[in-house]
């Protein structure tokens, strides 16, 4: 804004002086036409009146003209920029840092003899292969194929690879005059991008067409280092580049068709391998299921067998215990049975009925015990038989 005022105000003064002077002259001629006798016939009086009336406008005109020419080279350089001053008379170049510069306070800004070029010190994006605004690719081609940088490769037949790349570039302030002298303010388009394209083609030309597919980062680093080496003059980089990246790449249509066929066959092969793997897994699962069922059945049978064995063993032990107890009881019973006990049991169990028939010389009922067998007090010595 300050530079604009410095440049505009002098010309406004110059214009004001012209208008003022013009109005003075018109007023003088108007007075003459009205028939002012003193001024019409007296040339001396006329000149005397004209000179004082035009003096101030002439001063303003001269002041505005001189100031306008003097301040025409006033320049404001942004803090993030640097300017190069070119003297068209002697061909010299000068550098200006950020700030407002006005002649005569800045002697290198000689009026009518200098041109000023500003360079931004900040990073600016650089692109190669980017489609122009509103441009449409040729039918059948991708945007990268239509507008990208085409480069041959080292593969058989040298198939073409198309690139779209982006990166950053910024000037080296210390050698800005050398950059301006050699390549001018349009250094990005006229020099950096051209060098980038040349470097990219040179490196890709020594690589297989599909090298970028598996070596993208290494390829980008190699291109960036090679390009930076091309931007060095007298051991100093005129422009620094960074973060160069391949935004997109593509192959020529014939190569894409071949790759699609290969990819389809590879996909089918992988599908077949996947199906075989699935079938194998299913078979393995079936075998595992059968083995699991076999082991489960076997373990259940073994458990049942162990259970039955345990039950049989328990029953055998129970039977053995009962048998042993019965045997002990029998032994004790056998030991306790006597003739008297037997005869007693006969009497206790007899119901009092006599047999209907007899034979032999035996008595109908022998209740008489042998004299040799003593009778206890609980058993009567004689039994009275009922009368018939």
Protein backbone atom coordinates (compact mmCIF):
# COMPACT_ATOMS: atom_id res chain seq x y z
CA UNK A 1 0.00 0.00 0.00
CA UNK A 2 2.83 2.39 0.85
CA UNK A 3 4.57 1.77 -2.45
CA UNK A 4 1.31 2.31 -4.29
CA UNK A 5 0.86 5.69 -2.62
CA UNK A 6 4.46 6.64 -3.37
CA UNK A 7 3.93 5.85 -7.03
CA UNK A 8 0.43 7.28 -7.47
CA UNK A 9 0.59 10.54 -5.46
CA UNK A 10 3.22 12.26 -7.70
CA UNK A 11 1.17 11.55 -10.80
CA UNK A 12 -1.94 12.85 -9.07
CA UNK A 13 -0.01 16.08 -8.36
CA UNK A 14 1.10 16.17 -11.99
CA UNK A 15 -2.48 15.66 -13.18
CA UNK A 16 -3.75 18.31 -10.76
CA UNK A 17 -1.20 20.79 -12.09
CA UNK A 18 -2.27 20.10 -15.67
CA UNK A 19 -5.93 20.58 -14.84
CA UNK A 20 -5.27 23.72 -12.86
CA UNK A 21 -3.13 25.22 -15.59
CA UNK A 22 -5.70 24.32 -18.22
CA UNK A 23 -8.44 26.01 -16.25
CA UNK A 24 -6.28 29.15 -15.90
CA UNK A 25 -5.68 29.30 -19.63
CA UNK A 26 -9.36 28.79 -20.41
CA UNK A 27 -10.33 31.56 -17.98
CA UNK A 28 -7.87 33.94 -19.61
CA UNK A 29 -9.19 33.31 -23.08
CA UNK A 30 -12.75 33.71 -21.82
CA UNK A 31 -11.93 37.13 -20.46
CA UNK A 32 -10.39 38.11 -23.78
CA UNK A 33 -13.46 37.03 -25.71
CA UNK A 34 -15.75 39.10 -23.47
CA UNK A 35 -14.15 42.12 -24.95
CA UNK A 36 -11.99 43.26 -22.09
CA UNK A 37 -10.48 46.32 -23.73
CA UNK A 38 -7.46 46.60 -21.49
CA UNK A 39 -6.35 43.05 -22.15
CA UNK A 40 -7.39 42.90 -25.78
CA UNK A 41 -5.20 45.74 -26.95
CA UNK A 42 -2.42 45.70 -24.41
CA UNK A 43 -0.14 42.68 -24.96
CA UNK A 44 2.11 43.58 -22.02
CA UNK A 45 -0.75 43.63 -19.55
CA UNK A 46 -1.98 40.32 -20.99
CA UNK A 47 1.39 38.64 -20.47
CA UNK A 48 1.69 40.10 -17.00
CA UNK A 49 -1.65 38.63 -15.95
CA UNK A 50 -0.95 35.19 -17.52
CA UNK A 51 2.42 34.55 -15.90
CA UNK A 52 1.29 34.76 -12.23
CA UNK A 53 -1.82 32.70 -12.93
CA UNK A 54 0.18 29.73 -14.44
CA UNK A 55 3.17 29.72 -12.12
CA UNK A 56 1.73 27.45 -9.43
CA UNK A 57 0.23 24.91 -11.87
CA UNK A 58 3.57 24.69 -13.68
CA UNK A 59 5.33 24.05 -10.37
CA UNK A 60 2.88 21.27 -9.55
CA UNK A 61 3.31 19.75 -13.00
CA UNK A 62 7.09 19.72 -12.76
CA UNK A 63 7.04 18.46 -9.18
CA UNK A 64 4.62 15.66 -10.01
CA UNK A 65 6.53 14.66 -13.16
CA UNK A 66 9.92 14.56 -11.47
CA UNK A 67 8.55 12.76 -8.39
CA UNK A 68 6.62 10.28 -10.54
CA UNK A 69 9.73 9.39 -12.51
CA UNK A 70 11.90 9.26 -9.40
CA UNK A 71 9.51 7.04 -7.45
CA UNK A 72 8.58 4.80 -10.40
CA UNK A 73 11.11 2.21 -9.26
CA UNK A 74 9.86 2.11 -5.66
CA UNK A 75 9.63 -1.57 -4.68
CA UNK A 76 8.21 -3.47 -1.73
CA UNK A 77 9.81 -6.89 -1.20
CA UNK A 78 7.92 -9.32 1.02
CA UNK A 79 9.78 -10.77 4.02
CA UNK A 80 9.51 -14.21 2.42
CA UNK A 81 10.95 -13.02 -0.90
CA UNK A 82 14.12 -11.66 -2.41
CA UNK A 83 14.37 -9.30 -5.37
CA UNK A 84 16.88 -9.00 -8.20
CA UNK A 85 17.43 -5.50 -9.69
CA UNK A 86 18.59 -5.45 -13.30
CA UNK A 87 20.16 -2.23 -14.60
CA UNK A 88 19.35 -2.10 -18.31
CA UNK A 89 21.96 0.60 -18.95
CA UNK A 90 25.10 -1.10 -17.62
CA UNK A 91 23.84 -4.70 -17.38
CA UNK A 92 24.56 -5.00 -13.67
CA UNK A 93 22.46 -7.05 -11.21
CA UNK A 94 21.77 -6.27 -7.58
CA UNK A 95 19.97 -8.12 -4.79
CA UNK A 96 17.33 -6.61 -2.48
CA UNK A 97 16.06 -8.25 0.70
CA UNK A 98 12.63 -7.82 2.25
CA UNK A 99 11.36 -4.28 2.90
CA UNK A 100 10.34 -1.08 1.09
CA UNK A 101 12.99 0.36 -1.23
CA UNK A 102 12.77 3.86 -2.81
CA UNK A 103 15.27 5.82 -4.89
CA UNK A 104 17.39 7.79 -3.91
CA UNK A 105 17.47 5.97 -0.55
CA UNK A 106 18.19 2.78 -2.53
CA UNK A 107 20.72 3.94 -5.16
CA UNK A 108 20.51 0.74 -7.24
CA UNK A 109 16.88 1.58 -8.14
CA UNK A 110 17.83 4.10 -10.80
CA UNK A 111 14.71 5.54 -12.43
CA UNK A 112 14.04 4.61 -16.04
CA UNK A 113 17.03 2.22 -16.03
CA UNK A 114 16.14 -0.67 -13.75
CA UNK A 115 13.77 -3.63 -13.67
CA UNK A 116 12.89 -5.52 -10.50
CA UNK A 117 12.16 -9.27 -10.35
CA UNK A 118 10.85 -10.90 -7.19
CA UNK A 119 11.58 -14.50 -6.15
CA UNK A 120 9.62 -16.30 -3.48
CA UNK A 121 11.88 -18.01 -0.95
CA UNK A 122 9.12 -20.38 0.17
CA UNK A 123 8.71 -23.85 -1.25
CA UNK A 124 6.57 -24.08 -4.34
CA UNK A 125 5.10 -27.15 -5.89
CA UNK A 126 6.47 -28.50 -9.14
CA UNK A 127 4.64 -31.00 -11.34
CA UNK A 128 5.33 -32.97 -14.47
CA UNK A 129 2.73 -34.86 -16.45
CA UNK A 130 -0.16 -33.00 -14.83
CA UNK A 131 -3.15 -32.64 -17.20
CA UNK A 132 -3.94 -29.04 -18.18
CA UNK A 133 -7.03 -27.54 -16.60
CA UNK A 134 -10.17 -28.75 -18.36
CA UNK A 135 -8.25 -31.10 -20.66
CA UNK A 136 -9.75 -34.50 -21.38
CA UNK A 137 -7.68 -37.56 -22.36
CA UNK A 138 -8.03 -39.25 -25.72
CA UNK A 139 -10.72 -41.95 -25.70
CA UNK A 140 -9.20 -45.28 -24.77
CA UNK A 141 -6.34 -43.71 -22.83
CA UNK A 142 -6.00 -42.86 -19.17
CA UNK A 143 -5.08 -39.33 -18.05
CA UNK A 144 -1.58 -40.53 -17.17
CA UNK A 145 -1.14 -42.12 -20.62
CA UNK A 146 -2.46 -39.02 -22.39
CA UNK A 147 -0.59 -36.30 -20.47
CA UNK A 148 2.13 -38.06 -18.47
CA UNK A 149 5.86 -38.11 -19.15
CA UNK A 150 6.61 -41.05 -21.47
CA UNK A 151 9.81 -42.98 -20.85
CA UNK A 152 11.22 -46.15 -22.38
CA UNK A 153 12.50 -49.02 -20.26
CA UNK A 154 15.23 -51.64 -20.31
CA UNK A 155 12.82 -54.58 -20.71
CA UNK A 156 12.67 -56.52 -24.00
CA UNK A 157 10.83 -54.44 -26.55
CA UNK A 158 11.42 -51.32 -24.42
CA UNK A 159 7.79 -50.90 -23.30
CA UNK A 160 6.83 -47.31 -22.47
CA UNK A 161 6.09 -46.17 -18.93
CA UNK A 162 4.07 -42.99 -18.26
CA UNK A 163 4.66 -40.87 -15.17
CA UNK A 164 2.83 -38.17 -13.24
CA UNK A 165 5.07 -36.70 -10.53
CA UNK A 166 5.01 -33.92 -7.95
CA UNK A 167 7.54 -32.35 -5.64
CA UNK A 168 8.79 -29.17 -3.97
CA UNK A 169 11.40 -26.63 -5.05
CA UNK A 170 12.81 -23.47 -3.47
CA UNK A 171 15.56 -21.10 -4.53
CA UNK A 172 18.93 -20.67 -2.90
CA UNK A 173 19.01 -17.04 -1.75
CA UNK A 174 22.81 -16.88 -1.75
CA UNK A 175 23.03 -17.43 -5.52
CA UNK A 176 19.78 -15.83 -6.63
CA UNK A 177 21.56 -13.47 -9.06
CA UNK A 178 23.22 -16.43 -10.84
CA UNK A 179 19.85 -18.16 -11.09
CA UNK A 180 18.22 -15.04 -12.51
CA UNK A 181 21.03 -14.37 -14.95
CA UNK A 182 20.92 -17.92 -16.32
CA UNK A 183 17.25 -18.92 -16.22
CA UNK A 184 15.16 -15.88 -15.30
CA UNK A 185 12.08 -15.63 -13.14
CA UNK A 186 10.43 -18.57 -14.93
CA UNK A 187 13.19 -20.90 -13.80
CA UNK A 188 10.74 -23.62 -12.65
CA UNK A 189 9.18 -24.22 -16.06
CA UNK A 190 12.17 -23.31 -18.18
CA UNK A 191 14.79 -25.26 -16.25
CA UNK A 192 13.81 -27.30 -13.16
CA UNK A 193 10.93 -29.23 -14.71
CA UNK A 194 12.87 -29.92 -17.89
CA UNK A 195 15.79 -31.26 -15.89
CA UNK A 196 13.36 -33.37 -13.88
CA UNK A 197 11.87 -34.91 -17.02
CA UNK A 198 15.33 -35.63 -18.44
CA UNK A 199 16.51 -37.23 -15.18
CA UNK A 200 13.36 -39.33 -14.85
CA UNK A 201 13.67 -40.67 -18.38
CA UNK A 202 17.35 -41.40 -17.93
CA UNK A 203 16.85 -43.47 -14.79
CA UNK A 204 13.75 -45.33 -16.03
CA UNK A 205 15.54 -46.12 -19.28
CA UNK A 206 18.02 -48.23 -17.30
CA UNK A 207 15.34 -50.12 -15.36
CA UNK A 208 12.76 -52.80 -16.27
CA UNK A 209 9.32 -51.50 -17.09
CA UNK A 210 7.87 -52.86 -13.83
CA UNK A 211 10.75 -51.69 -11.62
CA UNK A 212 8.63 -49.00 -9.99
CA UNK A 213 6.03 -51.53 -8.87
CA UNK A 214 8.23 -53.00 -6.16
CA UNK A 215 10.91 -50.28 -5.79
CA UNK A 216 8.90 -47.07 -5.68
CA UNK A 217 10.64 -45.39 -2.74
CA UNK A 218 14.11 -46.31 -3.98
CA UNK A 219 13.23 -45.02 -7.46
CA UNK A 220 11.94 -41.69 -6.08
CA UNK A 221 15.07 -41.23 -3.94
CA UNK A 222 17.32 -41.98 -6.90
CA UNK A 223 15.51 -39.47 -9.13
CA UNK A 224 15.61 -36.79 -6.42
CA UNK A 225 19.37 -37.18 -5.84
CA UNK A 226 20.11 -37.17 -9.58
CA UNK A 227 17.95 -34.09 -10.18
CA UNK A 228 19.52 -32.20 -7.29
CA UNK A 229 22.94 -32.88 -8.77
CA UNK A 230 21.76 -31.31 -12.04
CA UNK A 231 20.70 -28.12 -10.25
CA UNK A 232 24.16 -27.39 -8.87
CA UNK A 233 26.32 -24.72 -10.52
CA UNK A 234 29.90 -24.04 -9.42
CA UNK A 235 29.42 -26.31 -6.42
CA UNK A 236 26.31 -24.50 -5.14
CA UNK A 237 22.67 -25.53 -5.69
CA UNK A 238 20.69 -22.82 -7.47
CA UNK A 239 17.45 -24.57 -6.54
CA UNK A 240 16.80 -27.17 -3.86
CA UNK A 241 14.27 -29.93 -4.49
CA UNK A 242 12.65 -32.23 -1.96
CA UNK A 243 9.95 -34.86 -1.54
CA UNK A 244 9.80 -35.78 -5.20
CA UNK A 245 7.10 -38.42 -5.53
CA UNK A 246 5.57 -40.45 -8.33
CA UNK A 247 1.89 -39.57 -8.00
CA UNK A 248 0.82 -42.06 -10.66
CA UNK A 249 2.25 -44.26 -13.37
CA UNK A 250 0.88 -46.40 -16.15
CA UNK A 251 1.98 -48.59 -19.04
CA UNK A 252 1.12 -48.48 -22.70
CA UNK A 253 -2.16 -50.25 -23.64
CA UNK A 254 -0.47 -53.37 -25.06
CA UNK A 255 1.47 -53.89 -21.83
CA UNK A 256 -1.66 -53.35 -19.75
CA UNK A 257 -3.48 -55.97 -21.83
CA UNK A 258 -0.64 -58.42 -21.30
CA UNK A 259 -0.56 -57.69 -17.58
CA UNK A 260 -4.31 -58.18 -17.33
CA UNK A 261 -4.04 -61.59 -19.00
CA UNK A 262 -1.20 -62.57 -16.70
CA UNK A 263 -3.12 -61.30 -13.69
CA UNK A 264 -6.20 -63.28 -14.75
CA UNK A 265 -4.18 -66.48 -15.13
CA UNK A 266 -2.48 -65.84 -11.83
CA UNK A 267 -5.85 -65.24 -10.22
CA UNK A 268 -7.18 -68.51 -11.64
CA UNK A 269 -4.10 -70.35 -10.45
CA UNK A 270 -4.45 -68.89 -6.99
CA UNK A 271 -8.15 -69.78 -7.00
CA UNK A 272 -7.29 -73.38 -7.90
CA UNK A 273 -4.60 -73.51 -5.22
CA UNK A 274 -7.05 -72.01 -2.78
CA UNK A 275 -9.67 -74.61 -3.67
CA UNK A 276 -7.12 -77.39 -3.28
CA UNK A 277 -6.14 -75.96 0.07
CA UNK A 278 -9.80 -75.77 1.09
CA UNK A 279 -10.38 -79.38 0.06
CA UNK A 280 -7.25 -80.46 1.89
CA UNK A 281 -8.39 -78.63 4.99
CA UNK A 282 -11.82 -80.24 4.71
CA UNK A 283 -10.23 -83.69 4.41
CA UNK A 284 -7.97 -82.97 7.34
CA UNK A 285 -11.00 -81.78 9.30
CA UNK A 286 -12.89 -84.95 8.39
CA UNK A 287 -9.94 -87.12 9.46
CA UNK A 288 -9.66 -85.17 12.68
CA UNK A 289 -13.39 -85.58 13.25
CA UNK A 290 -13.17 -89.35 12.65
CA UNK A 291 -10.12 -89.63 14.87
CA UNK A 292 -11.86 -87.59 17.53
CA UNK A 293 -14.97 -89.77 17.29
CA UNK A 294 -12.82 -92.92 17.44
CA UNK A 295 -10.92 -91.66 20.46
CA UNK A 296 -14.13 -90.55 22.13
CA UNK A 297 -15.78 -93.92 21.48
CA UNK A 298 -12.67 -95.77 22.57
CA UNK A 299 -12.41 -93.76 25.75
CA UNK A 300 -16.13 -94.27 26.43
CA UNK A 301 -15.75 -98.03 25.86
CA UNK A 302 -12.71 -98.15 28.09
CA UNK A 303 -14.56 -96.18 30.72
CA UNK A 304 -17.57 -98.54 30.41
CA UNK A 305 -15.24 -101.52 30.59
CA UNK A 306 -13.56 -100.12 33.67
CA UNK A 307 -17.00 -99.47 35.16
CA UNK A 308 -18.21 -103.01 34.42
CA UNK A 309 -14.95 -104.46 35.73
CA UNK A 310 -15.33 -102.39 38.86
CA UNK A 311 -18.95 -103.52 39.25
CA UNK A 312 -18.03 -107.16 38.60
CA UNK A 313 -15.17 -106.92 41.01
CA UNK A 314 -17.48 -105.35 43.57
CA UNK A 315 -20.09 -108.05 43.03
CA UNK A 316 -17.41 -110.73 43.24
CA UNK A 317 -16.15 -109.24 46.45
CA UNK A 318 -19.73 -109.05 47.76
CA UNK A 319 -20.38 -112.68 46.79
CA UNK A 320 -17.10 -113.71 48.34
CA UNK A 321 -18.00 -111.86 51.50
CA UNK A 322 -21.47 -113.47 51.59
CA UNK A 323 -19.99 -116.90 50.85
CA UNK A 324 -17.38 -116.46 53.49
CA UNK A 325 -20.01 -115.30 55.95
CA UNK A 326 -22.28 -118.23 55.01
CA UNK A 327 -19.41 -120.62 55.36
CA UNK A 328 -18.59 -119.22 58.76
CA UNK A 329 -22.25 -119.48 59.71
CA UNK A 330 -22.40 -123.05 58.45
CA UNK A 331 -19.30 -123.90 60.38
CA UNK A 332 -20.80 -122.43 63.48
CA UNK A 333 -24.13 -124.15 62.76
CA UNK A 334 -22.46 -127.48 62.12
CA UNK A 335 -20.55 -127.10 65.31
CA UNK A 336 -23.75 -126.36 67.24
CA UNK A 337 -25.92 -129.27 65.88
CA UNK A 338 -26.24 -132.27 68.32
CA UNK A 339 -28.43 -135.36 68.44
CA UNK A 340 -30.56 -133.85 71.12
CA UNK A 341 -31.09 -130.74 69.04
CA UNK A 342 -32.15 -132.89 66.09
CA UNK A 343 -34.65 -134.85 68.19
CA UNK A 344 -35.94 -131.63 69.63
CA UNK A 345 -36.50 -130.21 66.20
CA UNK A 346 -38.45 -133.33 65.28
CA UNK A 347 -40.77 -132.86 68.19
CA UNK A 348 -41.10 -129.10 67.62
CA UNK A 349 -42.01 -129.51 64.03
CA UNK A 350 -44.43 -132.53 64.53
CA UNK A 351 -48.07 -131.49 64.08
CA UNK A 352 -49.61 -134.27 66.21
CA UNK A 353 -50.90 -136.46 63.38
CA UNK A 354 -50.23 -140.13 63.15
CA UNK A 355 -49.54 -141.91 59.94
CA UNK A 356 -52.39 -143.92 58.47
CA UNK A 357 -50.34 -147.05 57.75
CA UNK A 358 -47.45 -148.70 59.47
CA UNK A 359 -44.99 -151.28 58.41
CA UNK A 360 -42.35 -153.18 60.13
CA UNK A 361 -41.78 -153.48 63.80
CA UNK A 362 -41.20 -149.87 64.43
CA UNK A 363 -43.44 -148.00 66.81
CA UNK A 364 -45.68 -145.38 65.19
CA UNK A 365 -43.69 -142.61 66.58
CA UNK A 366 -40.46 -142.85 68.31
CA UNK A 367 -40.50 -140.22 70.94
CA UNK A 368 -38.51 -142.10 73.31
CA UNK A 369 -34.97 -141.06 73.33
CA UNK A 370 -32.17 -143.35 73.93
CA UNK A 371 -31.21 -143.62 77.54
CA UNK A 372 -27.72 -142.70 76.64
CA UNK A 373 -28.85 -139.31 75.47
CA UNK A 374 -29.50 -136.99 78.38
CA UNK A 375 -32.55 -134.74 78.10
CA UNK A 376 -32.32 -131.14 79.10
CA UNK A 377 -34.78 -129.58 81.44
CA UNK A 378 -36.44 -127.76 78.54
CA UNK A 379 -37.41 -131.03 76.78
CA UNK A 380 -40.01 -133.30 78.56
CA UNK A 381 -38.93 -136.86 79.28
CA UNK A 382 -42.16 -138.37 78.08
CA UNK A 383 -44.90 -137.20 75.84
CA UNK A 384 -48.50 -138.18 76.37
CA UNK A 385 -50.03 -139.26 73.15
CA UNK A 386 -53.63 -138.45 72.54
CA UNK A 387 -56.13 -141.35 72.51
CA UNK A 388 -57.40 -142.59 69.25
